[in-house]
N, C-alpha and C. Protein backbone atom coordinates (compact mmCIF):
# COMPACT_ATOMS: atom_id res chain seq x y z
N MET A 1 102.84 126.60 103.77
CA MET A 1 102.76 125.48 104.35
C MET A 1 103.78 124.75 103.11
N GLU A 2 104.03 123.70 104.35
CA GLU A 2 105.28 122.48 104.33
C GLU A 2 104.81 121.71 103.37
N SER A 3 104.46 121.10 102.84
CA SER A 3 103.74 119.56 102.24
C SER A 3 104.71 118.10 102.73
N THR A 4 104.20 117.40 103.48
CA THR A 4 104.85 116.38 103.51
C THR A 4 103.78 115.26 102.80
N SER A 5 103.86 114.75 101.68
CA SER A 5 102.98 113.69 100.92
C SER A 5 101.48 114.12 100.86
N SER A 6 100.63 113.26 100.98
CA SER A 6 99.35 113.93 101.33
C SER A 6 98.47 114.39 102.92
N TYR A 7 100.08 114.87 103.56
CA TYR A 7 99.65 115.90 104.78
C TYR A 7 100.70 117.29 104.55
N GLN A 8 100.50 118.76 105.02
CA GLN A 8 100.75 119.25 105.22
C GLN A 8 100.86 119.94 106.47
N HIS A 9 102.34 120.71 106.50
CA HIS A 9 102.57 121.60 108.29
C HIS A 9 102.00 123.04 107.63
N GLN A 10 101.17 123.30 108.94
CA GLN A 10 100.65 124.98 108.73
C GLN A 10 101.06 125.73 110.21
N MET A 11 101.39 126.75 110.28
CA MET A 11 102.01 127.51 111.55
C MET A 11 101.33 128.65 111.77
N GLY A 12 101.42 128.47 113.22
CA GLY A 12 100.41 129.76 113.81
C GLY A 12 100.47 130.39 115.15
N SER A 13 99.80 131.27 115.32
CA SER A 13 100.60 131.03 116.54
C SER A 13 98.96 131.12 117.71
N ASP A 14 98.85 131.22 119.06
CA ASP A 14 97.77 131.36 119.74
C ASP A 14 98.00 131.75 120.98
N VAL A 15 97.51 133.27 121.25
CA VAL A 15 97.66 134.12 122.20
C VAL A 15 96.96 133.88 123.18
N GLN A 16 95.88 132.97 122.91
CA GLN A 16 95.27 132.85 125.09
C GLN A 16 95.96 131.57 125.35
N ARG A 17 96.85 130.51 124.89
CA ARG A 17 97.38 129.57 124.98
C ARG A 17 98.99 130.15 125.41
N ASP A 18 99.07 130.93 124.94
CA ASP A 18 100.31 132.13 124.64
C ASP A 18 101.59 131.29 124.03
N GLY A 19 101.39 130.61 123.01
CA GLY A 19 102.46 130.05 122.75
C GLY A 19 102.03 129.50 120.68
N MET A 20 103.06 129.09 120.33
CA MET A 20 102.92 128.48 118.94
C MET A 20 103.03 127.54 118.51
N PHE A 21 101.91 127.25 117.33
CA PHE A 21 101.84 125.47 116.77
C PHE A 21 102.04 125.28 115.76
N LEU A 22 102.74 123.71 115.27
CA LEU A 22 102.36 123.19 113.84
C LEU A 22 101.73 122.48 113.82
N GLU A 23 100.66 122.43 112.78
CA GLU A 23 99.66 122.02 112.84
C GLU A 23 99.62 120.93 111.51
N LEU A 24 99.43 119.44 111.61
CA LEU A 24 99.22 118.55 110.40
C LEU A 24 97.76 118.80 109.74
N VAL A 25 97.75 118.55 108.85
CA VAL A 25 96.50 119.17 107.58
C VAL A 25 96.59 117.91 106.78
N GLU A 26 95.54 117.61 106.82
CA GLU A 26 95.04 116.45 105.56
C GLU A 26 94.94 117.19 104.09
N VAL A 27 95.59 117.37 103.14
CA VAL A 27 95.91 117.38 101.70
C VAL A 27 94.16 116.33 101.35
N GLY A 28 93.59 118.04 100.86
CA GLY A 28 91.98 117.39 100.02
C GLY A 28 91.09 118.23 101.00
N SER A 29 91.16 117.36 102.30
CA SER A 29 90.10 117.24 103.34
C SER A 29 90.52 118.93 103.83
N GLY A 30 91.71 119.21 104.30
CA GLY A 30 91.73 120.55 105.07
C GLY A 30 91.81 120.06 106.42
N ASP A 31 91.61 118.87 107.10
CA ASP A 31 91.08 118.33 108.37
C ASP A 31 92.66 118.45 109.20
N VAL A 32 92.61 119.55 110.39
CA VAL A 32 93.63 119.63 111.22
C VAL A 32 93.51 117.86 111.91
N VAL A 33 94.64 116.91 111.76
CA VAL A 33 94.78 115.98 112.45
C VAL A 33 95.85 115.95 113.61
N GLY A 34 97.11 116.34 113.55
CA GLY A 34 97.73 116.82 114.51
C GLY A 34 97.87 118.10 114.89
N GLU A 35 99.21 117.95 115.82
CA GLU A 35 99.17 119.57 116.19
C GLU A 35 100.75 119.21 117.66
N VAL A 36 101.43 120.41 117.04
CA VAL A 36 102.74 120.30 118.04
C VAL A 36 103.01 121.73 118.73
N PHE A 37 102.43 121.82 120.06
CA PHE A 37 102.93 123.19 120.28
C PHE A 37 103.07 123.68 121.02
N TYR A 38 104.12 124.72 120.80
CA TYR A 38 105.35 125.31 122.30
C TYR A 38 104.89 126.51 122.62
N SER A 39 104.70 126.00 124.16
CA SER A 39 104.49 127.18 125.13
C SER A 39 105.37 128.09 125.99
N ASP A 40 104.76 129.64 125.33
CA ASP A 40 106.11 130.21 125.91
C ASP A 40 106.40 129.78 127.46
N ARG A 41 104.80 129.59 128.26
CA ARG A 41 105.50 129.86 129.50
C ARG A 41 106.39 128.89 130.32
N SER A 42 105.53 127.74 129.83
CA SER A 42 107.32 126.36 130.26
C SER A 42 108.30 126.03 129.38
N GLY A 43 107.88 126.60 127.85
CA GLY A 43 109.59 126.17 127.28
C GLY A 43 109.12 125.28 126.43
N GLN A 44 108.50 124.53 126.57
CA GLN A 44 108.55 122.81 126.45
C GLN A 44 107.37 122.24 125.11
N LEU A 45 107.41 121.40 124.52
CA LEU A 45 106.56 120.94 123.16
C LEU A 45 105.65 120.33 123.81
N SER A 46 104.78 119.74 123.13
CA SER A 46 103.64 119.25 123.39
C SER A 46 103.03 118.49 122.31
N ILE A 47 101.95 117.79 121.88
CA ILE A 47 101.59 116.88 121.06
C ILE A 47 100.49 116.63 121.04
N SER A 48 99.27 116.45 120.17
CA SER A 48 98.15 116.18 120.30
C SER A 48 97.76 115.54 118.67
N LEU A 49 97.38 114.28 118.93
CA LEU A 49 97.09 113.91 117.54
C LEU A 49 95.27 113.43 117.98
N ASP A 50 94.79 113.31 116.13
CA ASP A 50 93.37 113.17 116.46
C ASP A 50 92.93 112.29 115.67
N ARG A 51 93.63 111.44 114.95
CA ARG A 51 93.39 109.89 114.45
C ARG A 51 94.27 109.09 114.97
N PRO A 52 94.59 107.75 115.53
CA PRO A 52 94.89 106.67 116.01
C PRO A 52 95.70 106.53 114.61
N ASP A 53 95.34 106.83 113.44
CA ASP A 53 95.72 105.57 112.27
C ASP A 53 96.54 106.44 111.49
N LEU A 54 97.16 107.71 112.03
CA LEU A 54 98.23 108.50 111.18
C LEU A 54 99.31 107.68 111.01
N PRO A 55 99.69 108.10 109.62
CA PRO A 55 101.13 107.03 109.22
C PRO A 55 102.26 107.71 110.14
N VAL A 56 103.14 106.74 110.69
CA VAL A 56 104.56 107.22 111.74
C VAL A 56 105.31 108.29 110.89
N GLU A 57 105.66 108.69 109.87
CA GLU A 57 106.10 108.79 108.47
C GLU A 57 105.92 110.62 109.02
N ALA A 58 104.47 110.66 108.79
CA ALA A 58 103.77 111.98 108.97
C ALA A 58 104.20 112.84 110.88
N VAL A 59 104.03 111.55 111.47
CA VAL A 59 104.04 112.29 112.69
C VAL A 59 105.36 112.43 113.02
N GLU A 60 106.44 111.91 112.80
CA GLU A 60 107.65 111.79 113.13
C GLU A 60 108.24 113.22 112.41
N GLY A 61 107.47 113.27 110.64
CA GLY A 61 107.92 114.39 109.93
C GLY A 61 107.79 115.79 110.98
N LEU A 62 106.03 115.93 111.74
CA LEU A 62 105.70 116.83 112.01
C LEU A 62 106.19 117.57 113.09
N ILE A 63 106.99 116.41 113.61
CA ILE A 63 108.08 116.32 114.88
C ILE A 63 109.08 117.24 114.99
N SER A 64 109.88 116.25 113.63
CA SER A 64 110.97 117.26 113.21
C SER A 64 110.89 118.34 113.15
N ALA A 65 109.79 119.00 112.30
CA ALA A 65 109.54 120.51 111.40
C ALA A 65 109.51 120.78 112.69
N ALA A 66 108.69 121.12 113.70
CA ALA A 66 108.24 121.75 114.74
C ALA A 66 109.25 121.71 115.62
N ARG A 67 110.60 120.79 115.76
CA ARG A 67 111.68 121.00 116.31
C ARG A 67 112.38 122.14 116.27
N LYS A 68 112.34 121.93 114.69
CA LYS A 68 113.31 123.37 113.63
C LYS A 68 112.62 124.73 113.97
N ARG A 69 111.33 124.62 114.28
CA ARG A 69 110.37 125.51 113.60
C ARG A 69 109.97 126.28 114.95
N LEU A 70 109.72 125.60 115.98
CA LEU A 70 108.99 126.52 116.60
C LEU A 70 110.25 126.15 117.55
């Protein structure tokens, strides 16, 4: 896991959705609050956020890390 202030990034793969993901995990609670998914089928990245009040820096860090790692 890569840490970004009070959030961490956690990478994994999803066989059912046919792709890989990078999650934004809140330190302390362990809640997954966002995800960038790379689809092997389409070759595209998509983002899902579970909280409207996430810091922009945390979302930007997730997107930047996903572009590099996925």
